[in-house]
């Protein structure tokens, strides 16, 4: 059998010729450099998920899925993260074994334990737990429990890869330690001068990014009574969870800040409710406010570990004049 010469972009196998140029396209730069502005890729919505999704009913996992809005063929809350609510009734169990480099659990209520690859972690309200790639877990509640659960599965789905290497060990950040550290920051003499009164949770394995895993970033913050925090922005998506708030605590979100008043122009208002989650899109200005009579607590979780490593997080702050 004789073979004819192979042309550029073709592979000949026997008498079958494959054309490898079929998917190739070319765009003039200016017409393709901003696919969000042109509508080719969808923006990230300012979505809200209330506590009634999980605070009653049977044992289950609820995905906070925005894949339709994000146009992804896999579940996603942001392009790289997927948030869930978990409910486990007393003496019930459920299992997780995701394709993820990082799992983060915040215990909203209750207590129980998780059996993970042959060892056990006990948990209770207010604890944070992180698990690495390869974790196969069975979670059991000793009283009715609810959990806020974040994964980076959409990032791996987008890349078409499997998480094969554990980059850190399972780690628990206890409620007592987190609250004590936040109280220390909140009671510091210069606390009133800070744009955010918060702590960042860090695994010592990630001493360059200072984040809770190499992909995830987690903050635990207080918004004091009467506080009107100045706007700030960053390139990571925030998957915010309201740990506690009374009516009158809220977030304002918008794409511009008035250079004179330093206030967000025509903002979207997101009212805080205990147990509520909401999405703050990347690059937008946002500010937290508390007009209630009690301190409010917020837990933003982001892919800022990855963004920090890529040197693209770009946190910017506006400051109100004193």
Protein backbone atom coordinates (compact mmCIF):
# COMPACT_ATOMS: atom_id res chain seq x y z
CA UNK A 1 0.00 0.00 0.00
CA UNK A 2 1.39 3.37 -0.98
CA UNK A 3 0.77 6.51 1.01
CA UNK A 4 0.48 9.96 -0.54
CA UNK A 5 2.42 12.84 1.03
CA UNK A 6 0.89 14.19 4.25
CA UNK A 7 -0.14 17.81 4.08
CA UNK A 8 0.34 20.26 6.94
CA UNK A 9 -2.37 19.83 9.57
CA UNK A 10 -3.28 16.30 8.45
CA UNK A 11 -2.48 12.82 9.69
CA UNK A 12 -2.84 9.87 7.34
CA UNK A 13 -3.57 6.44 8.82
CA UNK A 14 -3.72 3.80 6.11
CA UNK A 15 -6.14 5.26 3.58
CA UNK A 16 -7.94 7.48 6.17
CA UNK A 17 -6.88 11.11 6.35
CA UNK A 18 -7.69 13.11 9.52
CA UNK A 19 -8.03 16.85 9.24
CA UNK A 20 -6.73 18.53 12.42
CA UNK A 21 -7.64 22.06 11.31
CA UNK A 22 -11.40 21.73 11.69
CA UNK A 23 -11.62 23.49 15.08
CA UNK A 24 -9.18 26.29 14.25
CA UNK A 25 -10.59 29.84 14.16
CA UNK A 26 -9.09 33.32 14.10
CA UNK A 27 -10.43 36.62 15.48
CA UNK A 28 -9.35 40.19 15.07
CA UNK A 29 -7.91 41.14 18.46
CA UNK A 30 -10.24 44.00 19.44
CA UNK A 31 -13.34 41.95 18.64
CA UNK A 32 -12.31 39.06 20.92
CA UNK A 33 -10.19 40.57 23.71
CA UNK A 34 -13.23 41.26 25.93
CA UNK A 35 -15.47 38.17 25.71
CA UNK A 36 -17.51 39.27 28.75
CA UNK A 37 -18.25 42.68 27.26
CA UNK A 38 -19.17 41.11 23.93
CA UNK A 39 -21.45 38.55 25.59
CA UNK A 40 -19.43 35.53 24.49
CA UNK A 41 -18.89 34.58 28.15
CA UNK A 42 -21.47 35.33 30.82
CA UNK A 43 -20.87 37.61 33.83
CA UNK A 44 -21.07 36.19 37.35
CA UNK A 45 -24.44 37.03 38.91
CA UNK A 46 -25.06 38.53 42.35
CA UNK A 47 -27.00 35.52 43.59
CA UNK A 48 -28.59 34.89 47.00
CA UNK A 49 -29.43 31.61 48.75
CA UNK A 50 -31.61 31.68 51.86
CA UNK A 51 -31.45 29.42 54.90
CA UNK A 52 -34.80 27.81 54.14
CA UNK A 53 -32.96 25.73 51.53
CA UNK A 54 -31.49 23.61 54.31
CA UNK A 55 -32.78 24.45 57.80
CA UNK A 56 -35.57 21.85 57.79
CA UNK A 57 -36.35 18.52 56.19
CA UNK A 58 -34.37 15.37 55.51
CA UNK A 59 -30.65 14.65 55.43
CA UNK A 60 -29.32 15.94 52.12
CA UNK A 61 -26.74 18.00 50.21
CA UNK A 62 -28.05 21.10 48.40
CA UNK A 63 -25.88 22.43 45.55
CA UNK A 64 -25.89 26.21 45.10
CA UNK A 65 -25.73 25.75 41.37
CA UNK A 66 -25.46 28.69 38.96
CA UNK A 67 -24.31 26.60 35.98
CA UNK A 68 -27.17 27.85 33.81
CA UNK A 69 -26.17 31.48 34.32
CA UNK A 70 -22.45 30.65 34.01
CA UNK A 71 -23.03 28.43 30.95
CA UNK A 72 -21.03 25.54 32.35
CA UNK A 73 -21.84 21.87 31.63
CA UNK A 74 -21.08 21.04 35.28
CA UNK A 75 -22.42 22.40 38.59
CA UNK A 76 -20.76 25.65 39.69
CA UNK A 77 -21.42 28.61 41.97
CA UNK A 78 -18.49 30.52 40.50
CA UNK A 79 -16.19 29.57 37.62
CA UNK A 80 -13.85 27.75 40.02
CA UNK A 81 -15.92 26.95 43.13
CA UNK A 82 -19.08 25.07 44.04
CA UNK A 83 -20.91 25.87 47.28
CA UNK A 84 -23.38 23.61 49.07
CA UNK A 85 -25.57 23.48 52.12
CA UNK A 86 -25.53 20.18 53.99
CA UNK A 87 -28.21 19.02 56.42
CA UNK A 88 -27.67 15.87 58.54
CA UNK A 89 -30.31 14.75 61.00
CA UNK A 90 -29.36 13.25 64.35
CA UNK A 91 -27.82 9.76 63.94
CA UNK A 92 -27.87 10.10 60.14
CA UNK A 93 -24.80 10.04 57.90
CA UNK A 94 -23.86 11.02 54.39
CA UNK A 95 -20.69 10.59 52.34
CA UNK A 96 -18.52 12.89 50.23
CA UNK A 97 -15.76 11.89 47.82
CA UNK A 98 -15.34 14.79 45.39
CA UNK A 99 -12.81 15.38 42.66
CA UNK A 100 -11.35 18.42 44.42
CA UNK A 101 -7.99 19.71 45.60
CA UNK A 102 -9.66 21.46 48.56
CA UNK A 103 -12.78 20.91 50.65
CA UNK A 104 -13.91 23.44 53.25
CA UNK A 105 -16.65 22.80 55.80
CA UNK A 106 -18.07 25.47 58.11
CA UNK A 107 -20.32 23.98 60.77
CA UNK A 108 -23.40 26.20 60.90
CA UNK A 109 -25.15 24.26 63.66
CA UNK A 110 -25.04 20.99 65.55
CA UNK A 111 -22.19 18.59 66.17
CA UNK A 112 -20.90 15.27 64.94
CA UNK A 113 -17.86 13.57 63.48
CA UNK A 114 -16.36 12.71 60.11
CA UNK A 115 -14.55 9.45 59.30
CA UNK A 116 -11.96 10.34 56.66
CA UNK A 117 -9.63 7.77 55.09
CA UNK A 118 -9.44 5.76 58.32
CA UNK A 119 -9.29 8.56 60.93
CA UNK A 120 -11.95 10.62 62.72
CA UNK A 121 -12.47 14.37 63.18
CA UNK A 122 -15.05 15.58 65.69
CA UNK A 123 -16.78 18.86 64.92
CA UNK A 124 -19.29 21.32 66.38
CA UNK A 125 -20.96 24.64 65.65
CA UNK A 126 -18.50 27.32 64.47
CA UNK A 127 -15.65 24.98 63.49
CA UNK A 128 -13.93 25.16 60.11
CA UNK A 129 -12.51 21.97 58.56
CA UNK A 130 -10.38 21.61 55.44
CA UNK A 131 -9.74 18.33 53.62
CA UNK A 132 -7.26 17.69 50.79
CA UNK A 133 -7.49 15.81 47.51
CA UNK A 134 -8.30 12.13 47.79
CA UNK A 135 -10.54 12.46 50.85
CA UNK A 136 -13.32 9.90 51.16
CA UNK A 137 -15.51 10.93 54.09
CA UNK A 138 -18.54 9.77 56.00
CA UNK A 139 -20.14 12.52 58.06
CA UNK A 140 -22.35 11.57 61.03
CA UNK A 141 -24.40 13.94 63.20
CA UNK A 142 -24.96 13.35 66.91
CA UNK A 143 -27.56 16.14 66.84
CA UNK A 144 -29.29 17.82 63.92
CA UNK A 145 -26.52 19.62 62.02
CA UNK A 146 -26.08 22.01 59.10
CA UNK A 147 -22.90 22.81 57.18
CA UNK A 148 -21.68 25.30 54.56
CA UNK A 149 -19.52 23.28 52.15
CA UNK A 150 -17.17 24.64 49.46
CA UNK A 151 -15.23 22.73 46.76
CA UNK A 152 -13.01 23.66 43.83
CA UNK A 153 -14.52 20.98 41.58
CA UNK A 154 -15.54 23.44 38.80
CA UNK A 155 -11.88 24.42 38.37
CA UNK A 156 -10.89 20.79 37.87
CA UNK A 157 -13.90 20.15 35.63
CA UNK A 158 -12.86 23.09 33.45
CA UNK A 159 -9.27 21.83 33.21
CA UNK A 160 -10.39 18.25 32.61
CA UNK A 161 -8.15 16.83 35.33
CA UNK A 162 -8.29 14.63 38.44
CA UNK A 163 -6.95 15.78 41.81
CA UNK A 164 -4.31 13.17 42.60
CA UNK A 165 -2.00 14.73 45.21
CA UNK A 166 -2.90 15.84 48.73
CA UNK A 167 -1.22 19.20 49.24
CA UNK A 168 -2.03 19.47 52.96
CA UNK A 169 -3.31 17.35 55.83
CA UNK A 170 -6.89 17.49 57.16
CA UNK A 171 -7.06 20.53 59.43
CA UNK A 172 -9.60 21.84 61.93
CA UNK A 173 -9.87 25.50 62.96
CA UNK A 174 -11.93 25.44 66.15
CA UNK A 175 -14.72 27.87 66.87
CA UNK A 176 -13.09 28.89 70.16
CA UNK A 177 -9.74 29.73 68.59
CA UNK A 178 -11.29 31.59 65.66
CA UNK A 179 -13.54 33.67 67.93
CA UNK A 180 -10.72 34.46 70.36
CA UNK A 181 -8.49 35.70 67.55
CA UNK A 182 -11.29 37.80 66.03
CA UNK A 183 -12.06 39.31 69.45
CA UNK A 184 -8.38 40.22 69.81
CA UNK A 185 -8.43 42.03 66.47
CA UNK A 186 -11.78 43.72 67.19
CA UNK A 187 -10.59 45.00 70.60
CA UNK A 188 -7.27 46.37 69.34
CA UNK A 189 -6.83 50.15 69.86
CA UNK A 190 -6.62 50.77 66.11
CA UNK A 191 -9.59 48.57 65.15
CA UNK A 192 -11.73 51.59 64.26
CA UNK A 193 -9.16 52.62 61.65
CA UNK A 194 -9.33 49.34 59.72
CA UNK A 195 -11.40 48.88 56.57
CA UNK A 196 -12.27 45.34 57.67
CA UNK A 197 -12.21 43.87 61.19
CA UNK A 198 -11.49 40.29 60.28
CA UNK A 199 -9.12 37.36 60.51
CA UNK A 200 -7.83 35.16 57.71
CA UNK A 201 -7.54 31.45 58.32
CA UNK A 202 -4.18 30.04 57.20
CA UNK A 203 -2.65 26.60 56.90
CA UNK A 204 1.09 26.91 57.58
CA UNK A 205 1.80 24.82 54.48
CA UNK A 206 0.84 27.88 52.45
CA UNK A 207 3.17 30.47 53.92
CA UNK A 208 3.39 32.49 50.70
CA UNK A 209 -0.32 32.94 49.98
CA UNK A 210 -1.32 32.99 53.70
CA UNK A 211 -4.54 31.16 52.79
CA UNK A 212 -6.50 28.26 54.23
CA UNK A 213 -5.58 26.00 51.27
CA UNK A 214 -3.54 26.58 48.14
CA UNK A 215 -6.80 27.38 46.28
CA UNK A 216 -9.24 28.58 48.94
CA UNK A 217 -9.21 31.76 51.03
CA UNK A 218 -11.44 32.06 54.11
CA UNK A 219 -12.14 35.08 56.29
CA UNK A 220 -14.10 35.43 59.52
CA UNK A 221 -15.18 39.00 60.12
CA UNK A 222 -17.28 41.22 62.35
CA UNK A 223 -19.22 44.29 61.29
CA UNK A 224 -19.74 46.28 64.51
CA UNK A 225 -22.93 48.12 65.39
CA UNK A 226 -23.14 51.39 63.45
CA UNK A 227 -20.34 50.41 61.07
CA UNK A 228 -20.28 51.62 57.47
CA UNK A 229 -17.27 49.94 55.91
CA UNK A 230 -15.68 51.68 52.96
CA UNK A 231 -15.96 50.01 49.54
CA UNK A 232 -13.32 47.57 48.36
CA UNK A 233 -12.92 45.22 45.39
CA UNK A 234 -10.88 42.19 44.31
CA UNK A 235 -10.63 39.90 41.30
CA UNK A 236 -11.75 36.75 43.13
CA UNK A 237 -15.40 35.78 43.53
CA UNK A 238 -16.63 35.86 47.14
CA UNK A 239 -19.06 33.17 48.28
CA UNK A 240 -20.27 34.92 51.42
CA UNK A 241 -22.04 33.26 54.34
CA UNK A 242 -23.87 35.23 57.05
CA UNK A 243 -22.96 33.60 60.36
CA UNK A 244 -25.05 36.06 62.39
CA UNK A 245 -26.96 39.27 61.74
CA UNK A 246 -29.99 41.17 62.90
CA UNK A 247 -32.22 43.11 60.47
CA UNK A 248 -30.38 46.23 59.34
CA UNK A 249 -27.09 44.56 58.34
CA UNK A 250 -26.47 44.53 54.60
CA UNK A 251 -23.97 44.66 51.73
CA UNK A 252 -23.96 47.16 48.85
CA UNK A 253 -22.52 46.04 45.50
CA UNK A 254 -21.83 48.09 42.37
CA UNK A 255 -19.35 48.73 39.60
CA UNK A 256 -18.47 52.36 40.37
CA UNK A 257 -17.62 54.52 43.38
CA UNK A 258 -18.35 58.25 43.49
CA UNK A 259 -14.91 59.89 43.83
CA UNK A 260 -16.38 62.70 45.96
CA UNK A 261 -18.70 60.87 48.37
CA UNK A 262 -16.69 57.59 48.23
CA UNK A 263 -20.02 55.76 48.11
CA UNK A 264 -21.00 53.08 45.58
CA UNK A 265 -23.11 54.48 42.75
CA UNK A 266 -26.57 52.86 42.26
CA UNK A 267 -25.71 49.77 44.30
CA UNK A 268 -27.52 46.48 44.64
CA UNK A 269 -28.47 45.95 48.29
CA UNK A 270 -28.15 42.46 49.80
CA UNK A 271 -29.84 42.22 53.19
CA UNK A 272 -28.18 39.84 55.63
CA UNK A 273 -30.09 37.02 57.28
CA UNK A 274 -28.68 34.36 59.59
CA UNK A 275 -27.66 31.33 57.54
CA UNK A 276 -27.89 33.07 54.17
CA UNK A 277 -25.26 32.78 51.42
CA UNK A 278 -24.70 35.22 48.59
CA UNK A 279 -22.29 35.73 45.70
CA UNK A 280 -20.21 38.89 45.31
CA UNK A 281 -18.92 38.99 41.69
CA UNK A 282 -15.27 39.75 40.93
CA UNK A 283 -14.12 43.29 40.27
CA UNK A 284 -17.21 44.94 41.75
CA UNK A 285 -17.05 47.39 44.61
CA UNK A 286 -18.81 46.25 47.78
CA UNK A 287 -19.25 47.55 51.30
CA UNK A 288 -20.73 46.09 54.48
CA UNK A 289 -23.02 48.07 56.80
CA UNK A 290 -24.65 47.41 60.15
CA UNK A 291 -27.59 49.57 61.19
CA UNK A 292 -28.93 46.95 63.61
CA UNK A 293 -28.41 46.88 67.34
CA UNK A 294 -26.03 43.90 67.45
CA UNK A 295 -22.68 42.98 65.83
CA UNK A 296 -22.93 41.01 62.58
CA UNK A 297 -20.60 38.24 61.43
CA UNK A 298 -19.67 37.30 57.86
CA UNK A 299 -17.61 34.45 56.35
CA UNK A 300 -16.42 35.10 52.77
CA UNK A 301 -14.83 32.13 51.01
CA UNK A 302 -13.02 32.73 47.72
CA UNK A 303 -10.59 31.17 45.26
CA UNK A 304 -8.12 33.83 46.39
CA UNK A 305 -5.47 31.27 47.30
CA UNK A 306 -5.19 30.58 43.59
CA UNK A 307 -5.55 34.27 42.70
CA UNK A 308 -2.82 35.24 45.18
CA UNK A 309 -0.48 32.60 43.76
CA UNK A 310 -1.15 33.94 40.25
CA UNK A 311 -0.51 37.52 41.53
CA UNK A 312 -3.89 38.63 40.18
CA UNK A 313 -6.02 39.19 43.33
CA UNK A 314 -5.67 43.00 43.12
CA UNK A 315 -7.46 44.08 46.33
CA UNK A 316 -8.31 47.78 46.25
CA UNK A 317 -9.77 49.94 49.03
CA UNK A 318 -11.60 53.24 49.11
CA UNK A 319 -11.31 55.14 52.39
CA UNK A 320 -13.91 57.47 53.82
CA UNK A 321 -12.59 60.84 54.95
CA UNK A 322 -12.49 61.19 58.74
